[in-house]
């Protein structure tokens, strides 16, 4: 369970940076169906393994994905706890129904 404590802004920025690339978003979409071998991602995204490795490293560094080695293969999966924290953050900053973009505190 993700705590409702305020998150570090640098960590939140790192999550969104990791999701700021179309290839990385597509990797996350592919992993939403479950763990995938890097070779499966290579063929599914029609991308070179070196290119995918760079994107997977970015996602892993941000904590969005985890990996495990089995023999010579590396399998990736989503980190549900981090995705829950992102959803919580987005929910916290979403304007409420009472919010009015026309109100200005300086008028």
C-alpha atoms as a PDB file:
ATOM      1  CA  UNK A   1       0.000   0.000   0.000  1.00  0.00           C
ATOM      2  CA  UNK A   2       1.310   3.435  -0.869  1.00  0.00           C
ATOM      3  CA  UNK A   3       1.290   5.986   1.922  1.00  0.00           C
ATOM      4  CA  UNK A   4      -0.573   9.241   1.530  1.00  0.00           C
ATOM      5  CA  UNK A   5       2.498  11.178   2.717  1.00  0.00           C
ATOM      6  CA  UNK A   6       3.639  13.992   0.442  1.00  0.00           C
ATOM      7  CA  UNK A   7       6.080  12.820  -2.199  1.00  0.00           C
ATOM      8  CA  UNK A   8       9.467  14.296  -2.978  1.00  0.00           C
ATOM      9  CA  UNK A   9       9.113  16.606  -5.980  1.00  0.00           C
ATOM     10  CA  UNK A  10      12.376  15.333  -7.471  1.00  0.00           C
ATOM     11  CA  UNK A  11      11.055  11.760  -7.404  1.00  0.00           C
ATOM     12  CA  UNK A  12       7.779  12.793  -9.035  1.00  0.00           C
ATOM     13  CA  UNK A  13       9.709  14.676 -11.730  1.00  0.00           C
ATOM     14  CA  UNK A  14      11.829  11.578 -12.354  1.00  0.00           C
ATOM     15  CA  UNK A  15       8.676   9.461 -12.851  1.00  0.00           C
ATOM     16  CA  UNK A  16       7.242  11.907 -15.352  1.00  0.00           C
ATOM     17  CA  UNK A  17      10.584  12.274 -17.128  1.00  0.00           C
ATOM     18  CA  UNK A  18      10.691   8.497 -17.543  1.00  0.00           C
ATOM     19  CA  UNK A  19       7.203   8.635 -19.044  1.00  0.00           C
ATOM     20  CA  UNK A  20       8.000  11.573 -21.340  1.00  0.00           C
ATOM     21  CA  UNK A  21       9.115   9.396 -24.233  1.00  0.00           C
ATOM     22  CA  UNK A  22       6.712   7.558 -26.560  1.00  0.00           C
ATOM     23  CA  UNK A  23       8.841   4.400 -26.615  1.00  0.00           C
ATOM     24  CA  UNK A  24       8.922   4.236 -22.821  1.00  0.00           C
ATOM     25  CA  UNK A  25       5.158   4.775 -22.646  1.00  0.00           C
ATOM     26  CA  UNK A  26       4.726   1.913 -25.099  1.00  0.00           C
ATOM     27  CA  UNK A  27       6.997  -0.296 -22.977  1.00  0.00           C
ATOM     28  CA  UNK A  28       4.817   0.460 -19.945  1.00  0.00           C
ATOM     29  CA  UNK A  29       1.703  -0.388 -21.971  1.00  0.00           C
ATOM     30  CA  UNK A  30       3.221  -3.704 -23.044  1.00  0.00           C
ATOM     31  CA  UNK A  31       4.204  -4.538 -19.467  1.00  0.00           C
ATOM     32  CA  UNK A  32       0.667  -3.814 -18.236  1.00  0.00           C
ATOM     33  CA  UNK A  33      -0.291  -7.301 -19.442  1.00  0.00           C
ATOM     34  CA  UNK A  34       2.428  -8.896 -17.323  1.00  0.00           C
ATOM     35  CA  UNK A  35       6.111  -9.663 -17.186  1.00  0.00           C
ATOM     36  CA  UNK A  36       7.922  -9.660 -20.538  1.00  0.00           C
ATOM     37  CA  UNK A  37      11.327 -10.813 -21.681  1.00  0.00           C
ATOM     38  CA  UNK A  38      13.458  -8.114 -23.278  1.00  0.00           C
ATOM     39  CA  UNK A  39      13.510 -10.212 -26.456  1.00  0.00           C
ATOM     40  CA  UNK A  40       9.684 -10.083 -26.557  1.00  0.00           C
ATOM     41  CA  UNK A  41       9.771  -6.312 -26.192  1.00  0.00           C
ATOM     42  CA  UNK A  42      12.389  -6.035 -28.932  1.00  0.00           C
ATOM     43  CA  UNK A  43      10.187  -7.825 -31.433  1.00  0.00           C
ATOM     44  CA  UNK A  44       6.911  -6.249 -30.235  1.00  0.00           C
ATOM     45  CA  UNK A  45       8.306  -2.718 -30.550  1.00  0.00           C
ATOM     46  CA  UNK A  46      10.435  -3.449 -33.604  1.00  0.00           C
ATOM     47  CA  UNK A  47      13.405  -1.812 -31.899  1.00  0.00           C
ATOM     48  CA  UNK A  48      17.052  -2.710 -31.477  1.00  0.00           C
ATOM     49  CA  UNK A  49      17.975  -4.272 -28.149  1.00  0.00           C
ATOM     50  CA  UNK A  50      20.491  -1.496 -27.423  1.00  0.00           C
ATOM     51  CA  UNK A  51      17.779   1.144 -27.876  1.00  0.00           C
ATOM     52  CA  UNK A  52      15.354  -0.740 -25.640  1.00  0.00           C
ATOM     53  CA  UNK A  53      18.045  -1.280 -23.022  1.00  0.00           C
ATOM     54  CA  UNK A  54      18.508   2.481 -22.761  1.00  0.00           C
ATOM     55  CA  UNK A  55      14.766   3.044 -22.309  1.00  0.00           C
ATOM     56  CA  UNK A  56      14.385   0.148 -19.860  1.00  0.00           C
ATOM     57  CA  UNK A  57      17.287   1.512 -17.792  1.00  0.00           C
ATOM     58  CA  UNK A  58      15.539   4.894 -17.610  1.00  0.00           C
ATOM     59  CA  UNK A  59      12.293   3.248 -16.481  1.00  0.00           C
ATOM     60  CA  UNK A  60      14.145   1.079 -13.956  1.00  0.00           C
ATOM     61  CA  UNK A  61      16.118   4.021 -12.542  1.00  0.00           C
ATOM     62  CA  UNK A  62      12.842   5.878 -12.013  1.00  0.00           C
ATOM     63  CA  UNK A  63      11.442   2.821 -10.247  1.00  0.00           C
ATOM     64  CA  UNK A  64       8.658   2.199 -12.764  1.00  0.00           C
ATOM     65  CA  UNK A  65       9.881  -1.256 -13.714  1.00  0.00           C
ATOM     66  CA  UNK A  66      11.746  -4.071 -12.038  1.00  0.00           C
ATOM     67  CA  UNK A  67      13.783  -6.787 -13.660  1.00  0.00           C
ATOM     68  CA  UNK A  68      14.918 -10.300 -12.942  1.00  0.00           C
ATOM     69  CA  UNK A  69      17.425 -12.515 -14.681  1.00  0.00           C
ATOM     70  CA  UNK A  70      16.686 -16.072 -15.618  1.00  0.00           C
ATOM     71  CA  UNK A  71      19.600 -17.677 -17.370  1.00  0.00           C
ATOM     72  CA  UNK A  72      20.677 -15.342 -20.127  1.00  0.00           C
ATOM     73  CA  UNK A  73      17.309 -13.594 -20.362  1.00  0.00           C
ATOM     74  CA  UNK A  74      16.112 -10.525 -18.479  1.00  0.00           C
ATOM     75  CA  UNK A  75      12.424 -10.190 -17.660  1.00  0.00           C
ATOM     76  CA  UNK A  76      10.782  -6.857 -16.895  1.00  0.00           C
ATOM     77  CA  UNK A  77       7.592  -6.052 -15.016  1.00  0.00           C
ATOM     78  CA  UNK A  78       5.837  -2.945 -13.762  1.00  0.00           C
ATOM     79  CA  UNK A  79       6.321  -1.744 -10.205  1.00  0.00           C
ATOM     80  CA  UNK A  80       2.703  -1.518  -9.050  1.00  0.00           C
ATOM     81  CA  UNK A  81       3.615   0.468  -5.930  1.00  0.00           C
ATOM     82  CA  UNK A  82       5.161   3.283  -7.984  1.00  0.00           C
ATOM     83  CA  UNK A  83       2.243   3.310 -10.424  1.00  0.00           C
ATOM     84  CA  UNK A  84      -0.111   3.599  -7.439  1.00  0.00           C
ATOM     85  CA  UNK A  85       1.960   6.526  -6.121  1.00  0.00           C
ATOM     86  CA  UNK A  86       1.765   8.259  -9.515  1.00  0.00           C
ATOM     87  CA  UNK A  87      -2.009   7.743  -9.610  1.00  0.00           C
ATOM     88  CA  UNK A  88      -2.255   9.111  -6.072  1.00  0.00           C
ATOM     89  CA  UNK A  89      -0.230  12.194  -6.997  1.00  0.00           C
ATOM     90  CA  UNK A  90      -2.346  12.843 -10.093  1.00  0.00           C
ATOM     91  CA  UNK A  91      -5.509  12.437  -8.000  1.00  0.00           C
ATOM     92  CA  UNK A  92      -4.162  14.873  -5.403  1.00  0.00           C
ATOM     93  CA  UNK A  93      -3.426  17.598  -7.958  1.00  0.00           C
ATOM     94  CA  UNK A  94      -6.540  17.154 -10.062  1.00  0.00           C
ATOM     95  CA  UNK A  95      -8.728  20.242  -9.652  1.00  0.00           C
ATOM     96  CA  UNK A  96     -11.859  19.610  -7.624  1.00  0.00           C
ATOM     97  CA  UNK A  97     -15.348  20.361  -8.875  1.00  0.00           C
ATOM     98  CA  UNK A  98     -15.305  23.534  -6.747  1.00  0.00           C
ATOM     99  CA  UNK A  99     -12.181  24.822  -8.465  1.00  0.00           C
ATOM    100  CA  UNK A 100     -12.737  27.725 -10.768  1.00  0.00           C
ATOM    101  CA  UNK A 101     -10.111  28.835 -13.258  1.00  0.00           C
ATOM    102  CA  UNK A 102     -11.788  32.274 -13.299  1.00  0.00           C
ATOM    103  CA  UNK A 103     -10.950  33.018  -9.681  1.00  0.00           C
ATOM    104  CA  UNK A 104      -7.853  35.041  -9.111  1.00  0.00           C
ATOM    105  CA  UNK A 105      -6.517  35.830  -5.662  1.00  0.00           C
ATOM    106  CA  UNK A 106      -4.924  39.055  -6.857  1.00  0.00           C
ATOM    107  CA  UNK A 107      -8.034  40.829  -8.125  1.00  0.00           C
END
